[in-house]
Amino acid sequence: MMVVMTIISILVSIAVPLYQKSILRSKESVLRNNLFTLRTVIDEYTYDKQKAPQSLEDLVNDGYLRTVPLDPMTGSSQTWQLVMEDAMSSVNQTEPGIFDVHSGSDKASLEGTPYSEW
């Protein structure tokens, strides 16, 4: 019985880290997809309206998104880090808006790069 318990504990000690890594990889995949979607929608909004959105809620209010997606690393849609465009290089220089978006997480990916730099 002790041998069986030892084998099971060894198998569990191998399986748990692999399971945790697969969950993290799936969150990273969702983050990449959400960032791609947000960046595409920001570009479409800027092209259509001839000005960049002032907030992510503008994208929802004007029908470009149903809801602001969750940041899978923080679990919230309020933690996105917005990169505002420079007034001199903006389409509408009187109203510079969102140029890019990054994750609000302070953690690093499996490859070692911070999620806030993606």
N, C-alpha and C. Protein backbone atom coordinates (compact mmCIF):
# COMPACT_ATOMS: atom_id res chain seq x y z
N MET A 1 0.82 -1.19 0.00
CA MET A 1 0.00 0.00 0.00
C MET A 1 0.87 1.26 0.00
N MET A 2 1.98 1.21 0.71
CA MET A 2 2.89 2.36 0.77
C MET A 2 3.52 2.63 -0.60
N VAL A 3 3.81 1.57 -1.34
CA VAL A 3 4.40 1.73 -2.67
C VAL A 3 3.40 2.42 -3.60
N VAL A 4 2.14 2.02 -3.53
CA VAL A 4 1.10 2.63 -4.36
C VAL A 4 0.95 4.11 -4.01
N MET A 5 0.93 4.44 -2.73
CA MET A 5 0.80 5.82 -2.29
C MET A 5 2.01 6.66 -2.75
N THR A 6 3.18 6.07 -2.70
CA THR A 6 4.39 6.77 -3.15
C THR A 6 4.33 7.05 -4.64
N ILE A 7 3.90 6.08 -5.41
CA ILE A 7 3.78 6.27 -6.87
C ILE A 7 2.75 7.33 -7.18
N ILE A 8 1.62 7.31 -6.50
CA ILE A 8 0.57 8.32 -6.72
C ILE A 8 1.08 9.72 -6.36
N SER A 9 1.80 9.84 -5.26
CA SER A 9 2.31 11.16 -4.86
C SER A 9 3.34 11.68 -5.86
N ILE A 10 4.15 10.80 -6.42
CA ILE A 10 5.12 11.21 -7.44
C ILE A 10 4.39 11.69 -8.69
N LEU A 11 3.39 10.94 -9.11
CA LEU A 11 2.61 11.34 -10.29
C LEU A 11 1.90 12.68 -10.08
N VAL A 12 1.35 12.89 -8.91
CA VAL A 12 0.67 14.16 -8.61
C VAL A 12 1.67 15.30 -8.58
N SER A 13 2.85 15.07 -8.02
CA SER A 13 3.87 16.13 -7.96
C SER A 13 4.37 16.51 -9.35
N ILE A 14 4.25 15.64 -10.32
CA ILE A 14 4.60 15.95 -11.70
C ILE A 14 3.44 16.62 -12.41
N ALA A 15 2.23 16.16 -12.15
CA ALA A 15 1.06 16.65 -12.87
C ALA A 15 0.64 18.06 -12.47
N VAL A 16 0.75 18.42 -11.21
CA VAL A 16 0.27 19.73 -10.74
C VAL A 16 1.02 20.88 -11.41
N PRO A 17 2.36 20.89 -11.47
CA PRO A 17 3.04 21.99 -12.16
C PRO A 17 2.68 22.07 -13.65
N LEU A 18 2.52 20.92 -14.28
CA LEU A 18 2.13 20.93 -15.69
C LEU A 18 0.74 21.52 -15.88
N TYR A 19 -0.16 21.19 -14.98
CA TYR A 19 -1.52 21.73 -15.03
C TYR A 19 -1.51 23.24 -14.81
N GLN A 20 -0.74 23.71 -13.84
CA GLN A 20 -0.65 25.14 -13.58
C GLN A 20 -0.05 25.89 -14.77
N LYS A 21 0.93 25.29 -15.41
CA LYS A 21 1.54 25.91 -16.59
C LYS A 21 0.55 25.98 -17.75
N SER A 22 -0.26 24.95 -17.91
CA SER A 22 -1.25 24.96 -19.00
C SER A 22 -2.31 26.02 -18.76
N ILE A 23 -2.69 26.24 -17.50
CA ILE A 23 -3.65 27.31 -17.19
C ILE A 23 -3.02 28.67 -17.52
N LEU A 24 -1.77 28.87 -17.16
CA LEU A 24 -1.10 30.13 -17.45
C LEU A 24 -0.96 30.35 -18.95
N ARG A 25 -0.65 29.29 -19.69
CA ARG A 25 -0.55 29.41 -21.15
C ARG A 25 -1.89 29.81 -21.77
N SER A 26 -2.97 29.26 -21.25
CA SER A 26 -4.29 29.62 -21.79
C SER A 26 -4.63 31.07 -21.45
N LYS A 27 -4.26 31.55 -20.27
CA LYS A 27 -4.48 32.97 -19.93
C LYS A 27 -3.65 33.87 -20.84
N GLU A 28 -2.42 33.46 -21.14
CA GLU A 28 -1.58 34.24 -22.04
C GLU A 28 -2.19 34.30 -23.44
N SER A 29 -2.76 33.20 -23.88
CA SER A 29 -3.41 33.16 -25.18
C SER A 29 -4.61 34.11 -25.22
N VAL A 30 -5.40 34.10 -24.16
CA VAL A 30 -6.56 35.00 -24.08
C VAL A 30 -6.08 36.45 -24.05
N LEU A 31 -5.00 36.74 -23.33
CA LEU A 31 -4.46 38.09 -23.28
C LEU A 31 -4.02 38.56 -24.66
N ARG A 32 -3.31 37.71 -25.38
CA ARG A 32 -2.88 38.07 -26.74
C ARG A 32 -4.08 38.38 -27.63
N ASN A 33 -5.11 37.55 -27.53
CA ASN A 33 -6.31 37.73 -28.33
C ASN A 33 -7.03 39.03 -27.95
N ASN A 34 -7.17 39.31 -26.65
CA ASN A 34 -7.83 40.52 -26.21
C ASN A 34 -7.06 41.77 -26.62
N LEU A 35 -5.74 41.73 -26.51
CA LEU A 35 -4.93 42.87 -26.94
C LEU A 35 -5.06 43.11 -28.44
N PHE A 36 -5.04 42.02 -29.22
CA PHE A 36 -5.21 42.16 -30.67
C PHE A 36 -6.56 42.79 -31.00
N THR A 37 -7.61 42.31 -30.34
CA THR A 37 -8.95 42.84 -30.58
C THR A 37 -9.03 44.31 -30.19
N LEU A 38 -8.54 44.65 -29.02
CA LEU A 38 -8.60 46.04 -28.57
C LEU A 38 -7.82 46.96 -29.51
N ARG A 39 -6.65 46.55 -29.92
CA ARG A 39 -5.83 47.39 -30.80
C ARG A 39 -6.49 47.55 -32.18
N THR A 40 -7.09 46.48 -32.67
CA THR A 40 -7.79 46.57 -33.95
C THR A 40 -8.98 47.51 -33.86
N VAL A 41 -9.76 47.38 -32.79
CA VAL A 41 -10.95 48.22 -32.62
C VAL A 41 -10.56 49.68 -32.40
N ILE A 42 -9.47 49.94 -31.68
CA ILE A 42 -9.00 51.32 -31.50
C ILE A 42 -8.64 51.92 -32.86
N ASP A 43 -7.94 51.15 -33.69
CA ASP A 43 -7.58 51.63 -35.04
C ASP A 43 -8.82 51.89 -35.89
N GLU A 44 -9.80 50.99 -35.83
CA GLU A 44 -11.04 51.18 -36.61
C GLU A 44 -11.80 52.42 -36.14
N TYR A 45 -11.89 52.59 -34.84
CA TYR A 45 -12.57 53.77 -34.28
C TYR A 45 -11.87 55.04 -34.74
N THR A 46 -10.55 55.06 -34.65
CA THR A 46 -9.78 56.24 -35.04
C THR A 46 -9.96 56.55 -36.52
N TYR A 47 -9.98 55.53 -37.34
CA TYR A 47 -10.18 55.72 -38.78
C TYR A 47 -11.59 56.23 -39.07
N ASP A 48 -12.60 55.63 -38.45
CA ASP A 48 -13.99 56.01 -38.71
C ASP A 48 -14.34 57.39 -38.18
N LYS A 49 -13.90 57.71 -36.98
CA LYS A 49 -14.30 58.95 -36.31
C LYS A 49 -13.31 60.09 -36.54
N GLN A 50 -12.19 59.80 -37.15
CA GLN A 50 -11.12 60.78 -37.37
C GLN A 50 -10.60 61.36 -36.06
N LYS A 51 -10.73 60.60 -34.99
CA LYS A 51 -10.14 60.93 -33.70
C LYS A 51 -10.05 59.65 -32.89
N ALA A 52 -9.09 59.61 -32.01
CA ALA A 52 -8.90 58.42 -31.18
C ALA A 52 -9.90 58.42 -30.03
N PRO A 53 -10.27 57.24 -29.54
CA PRO A 53 -11.19 57.19 -28.39
C PRO A 53 -10.52 57.76 -27.15
N GLN A 54 -11.32 58.39 -26.31
CA GLN A 54 -10.81 58.96 -25.07
C GLN A 54 -10.75 57.92 -23.95
N SER A 55 -11.57 56.89 -24.06
CA SER A 55 -11.58 55.81 -23.08
C SER A 55 -12.05 54.53 -23.77
N LEU A 56 -11.87 53.41 -23.11
CA LEU A 56 -12.34 52.15 -23.66
C LEU A 56 -13.86 52.10 -23.67
N GLU A 57 -14.50 52.83 -22.79
CA GLU A 57 -15.97 52.89 -22.77
C GLU A 57 -16.51 53.56 -24.03
N ASP A 58 -15.75 54.44 -24.66
CA ASP A 58 -16.17 55.03 -25.94
C ASP A 58 -16.37 53.96 -26.99
N LEU A 59 -15.52 52.93 -26.96
CA LEU A 59 -15.63 51.83 -27.92
C LEU A 59 -16.91 51.04 -27.69
N VAL A 60 -17.31 50.91 -26.45
CA VAL A 60 -18.55 50.19 -26.11
C VAL A 60 -19.75 51.06 -26.48
N ASN A 61 -19.71 52.33 -26.10
CA ASN A 61 -20.84 53.23 -26.34
C ASN A 61 -21.14 53.42 -27.83
N ASP A 62 -20.10 53.38 -28.67
CA ASP A 62 -20.29 53.57 -30.10
C ASP A 62 -20.44 52.26 -30.87
N GLY A 63 -20.56 51.14 -30.15
CA GLY A 63 -20.87 49.87 -30.78
C GLY A 63 -19.70 49.10 -31.37
N TYR A 64 -18.49 49.49 -31.06
CA TYR A 64 -17.33 48.75 -31.57
C TYR A 64 -17.05 47.50 -30.74
N LEU A 65 -17.44 47.52 -29.48
CA LEU A 65 -17.32 46.37 -28.59
C LEU A 65 -18.62 46.21 -27.81
N ARG A 66 -18.95 44.98 -27.44
CA ARG A 66 -20.11 44.78 -26.56
C ARG A 66 -19.79 45.20 -25.14
N THR A 67 -18.66 44.75 -24.67
CA THR A 67 -18.15 45.13 -23.35
C THR A 67 -16.64 45.22 -23.44
N VAL A 68 -16.05 45.92 -22.51
CA VAL A 68 -14.59 45.97 -22.43
C VAL A 68 -14.13 44.59 -21.95
N PRO A 69 -13.23 43.94 -22.69
CA PRO A 69 -12.81 42.59 -22.29
C PRO A 69 -12.02 42.60 -20.98
N LEU A 70 -12.05 41.47 -20.31
CA LEU A 70 -11.28 41.31 -19.08
C LEU A 70 -9.81 41.13 -19.40
N ASP A 71 -8.98 41.68 -18.55
CA ASP A 71 -7.56 41.37 -18.58
C ASP A 71 -7.41 40.05 -17.84
N PRO A 72 -7.10 38.95 -18.52
CA PRO A 72 -7.07 37.64 -17.84
C PRO A 72 -6.01 37.54 -16.76
N MET A 73 -5.02 38.39 -16.79
CA MET A 73 -3.96 38.32 -15.78
C MET A 73 -4.37 39.02 -14.49
N THR A 74 -5.28 39.99 -14.57
CA THR A 74 -5.74 40.68 -13.37
C THR A 74 -7.18 40.31 -13.03
N GLY A 75 -7.92 39.78 -14.00
CA GLY A 75 -9.31 39.40 -13.77
C GLY A 75 -10.27 40.56 -13.77
N SER A 76 -9.84 41.71 -14.30
CA SER A 76 -10.69 42.91 -14.29
C SER A 76 -10.61 43.61 -15.64
N SER A 77 -11.69 44.30 -15.99
CA SER A 77 -11.68 45.09 -17.22
C SER A 77 -11.27 46.53 -16.94
N GLN A 78 -11.01 46.85 -15.68
CA GLN A 78 -10.64 48.21 -15.28
C GLN A 78 -9.14 48.42 -15.14
N THR A 79 -8.35 47.38 -15.33
CA THR A 79 -6.91 47.48 -15.07
C THR A 79 -6.07 47.66 -16.33
N TRP A 80 -6.68 47.78 -17.49
CA TRP A 80 -5.91 47.97 -18.72
C TRP A 80 -5.09 49.26 -18.60
N GLN A 81 -3.85 49.20 -19.04
CA GLN A 81 -2.98 50.37 -19.05
C GLN A 81 -3.09 51.03 -20.42
N LEU A 82 -3.61 52.24 -20.46
CA LEU A 82 -3.84 52.94 -21.72
C LEU A 82 -2.62 53.78 -22.07
N VAL A 83 -2.24 53.77 -23.33
CA VAL A 83 -1.15 54.60 -23.83
C VAL A 83 -1.81 55.67 -24.68
N MET A 84 -1.71 56.91 -24.21
CA MET A 84 -2.32 58.03 -24.92
C MET A 84 -1.36 58.51 -26.01
N GLU A 85 -1.95 58.94 -27.13
CA GLU A 85 -1.12 59.41 -28.24
C GLU A 85 -0.59 60.80 -27.94
N ASP A 86 0.49 61.13 -28.58
CA ASP A 86 1.10 62.44 -28.46
C ASP A 86 0.23 63.45 -29.20
N ALA A 87 0.00 64.61 -28.63
CA ALA A 87 -0.88 65.62 -29.24
C ALA A 87 -0.37 66.06 -30.61
N MET A 88 0.92 66.09 -30.79
CA MET A 88 1.48 66.55 -32.07
C MET A 88 1.30 65.51 -33.17
N SER A 89 1.23 64.24 -32.83
CA SER A 89 1.11 63.20 -33.85
C SER A 89 -0.30 62.63 -33.94
N SER A 90 -1.24 63.18 -33.18
CA SER A 90 -2.59 62.64 -33.19
C SER A 90 -3.35 63.09 -34.42
N VAL A 91 -4.39 62.33 -34.78
CA VAL A 91 -5.22 62.66 -35.93
C VAL A 91 -5.92 63.99 -35.67
N ASN A 92 -6.53 64.13 -34.50
CA ASN A 92 -7.18 65.36 -34.10
C ASN A 92 -6.35 65.95 -32.98
N GLN A 93 -5.54 66.97 -33.29
CA GLN A 93 -4.57 67.48 -32.33
C GLN A 93 -5.21 68.13 -31.12
N THR A 94 -6.50 68.48 -31.19
CA THR A 94 -7.17 69.08 -30.03
C THR A 94 -7.62 68.03 -29.03
N GLU A 95 -7.78 66.77 -29.48
CA GLU A 95 -8.25 65.70 -28.61
C GLU A 95 -7.41 64.44 -28.77
N PRO A 96 -6.20 64.42 -28.23
CA PRO A 96 -5.43 63.17 -28.31
C PRO A 96 -6.11 62.10 -27.47
N GLY A 97 -6.11 60.88 -27.98
CA GLY A 97 -6.81 59.79 -27.30
C GLY A 97 -5.93 58.57 -27.15
N ILE A 98 -6.58 57.43 -27.01
CA ILE A 98 -5.88 56.17 -26.78
C ILE A 98 -5.16 55.75 -28.06
N PHE A 99 -3.89 55.44 -27.90
CA PHE A 99 -3.08 54.98 -29.01
C PHE A 99 -2.81 53.48 -28.93
N ASP A 100 -2.65 52.99 -27.70
CA ASP A 100 -2.32 51.58 -27.49
C ASP A 100 -2.83 51.16 -26.12
N VAL A 101 -2.82 49.87 -25.86
CA VAL A 101 -3.29 49.32 -24.59
C VAL A 101 -2.39 48.15 -24.20
N HIS A 102 -2.15 48.03 -22.89
CA HIS A 102 -1.33 46.95 -22.35
C HIS A 102 -2.02 46.36 -21.13
N SER A 103 -1.57 45.19 -20.72
CA SER A 103 -2.11 44.55 -19.53
C SER A 103 -1.70 45.35 -18.29
N GLY A 104 -2.55 45.34 -17.30
CA GLY A 104 -2.25 46.01 -16.04
C GLY A 104 -1.52 45.14 -15.05
N SER A 105 -1.16 43.94 -15.45
CA SER A 105 -0.50 43.00 -14.55
C SER A 105 0.97 43.37 -14.37
N ASP A 106 1.47 43.13 -13.16
CA ASP A 106 2.90 43.37 -12.90
C ASP A 106 3.71 42.08 -12.96
N LYS A 107 3.06 41.00 -13.40
CA LYS A 107 3.73 39.70 -13.48
C LYS A 107 4.43 39.54 -14.83
N ALA A 108 5.27 38.51 -14.91
CA ALA A 108 6.02 38.22 -16.13
C ALA A 108 5.49 36.93 -16.76
N SER A 109 5.63 36.85 -18.07
CA SER A 109 5.17 35.68 -18.81
C SER A 109 6.11 34.50 -18.60
N LEU A 110 5.74 33.37 -19.18
CA LEU A 110 6.59 32.18 -19.09
C LEU A 110 7.93 32.41 -19.78
N GLU A 111 7.95 33.31 -20.78
CA GLU A 111 9.20 33.62 -21.48
C GLU A 111 10.03 34.66 -20.73
N GLY A 112 9.44 35.30 -19.72
CA GLY A 112 10.18 36.27 -18.92
C GLY A 112 9.85 37.72 -19.18
N THR A 113 9.06 38.02 -20.21
CA THR A 113 8.71 39.42 -20.49
C THR A 113 7.50 39.82 -19.67
N PRO A 114 7.49 41.02 -19.12
CA PRO A 114 6.33 41.47 -18.35
C PRO A 114 5.10 41.59 -19.24
N TYR A 115 3.93 41.23 -18.69
CA TYR A 115 2.69 41.34 -19.45
C TYR A 115 2.39 42.79 -19.80
N SER A 116 2.87 43.70 -18.99
CA SER A 116 2.61 45.12 -19.25
C SER A 116 3.39 45.64 -20.45
N GLU A 117 4.27 44.84 -21.02
CA GLU A 117 5.01 45.25 -22.23
C GLU A 117 4.46 44.61 -23.50
N TRP A 118 3.48 43.72 -23.36
CA TRP A 118 2.93 43.05 -24.54
C TRP A 118 2.15 44.02 -25.37
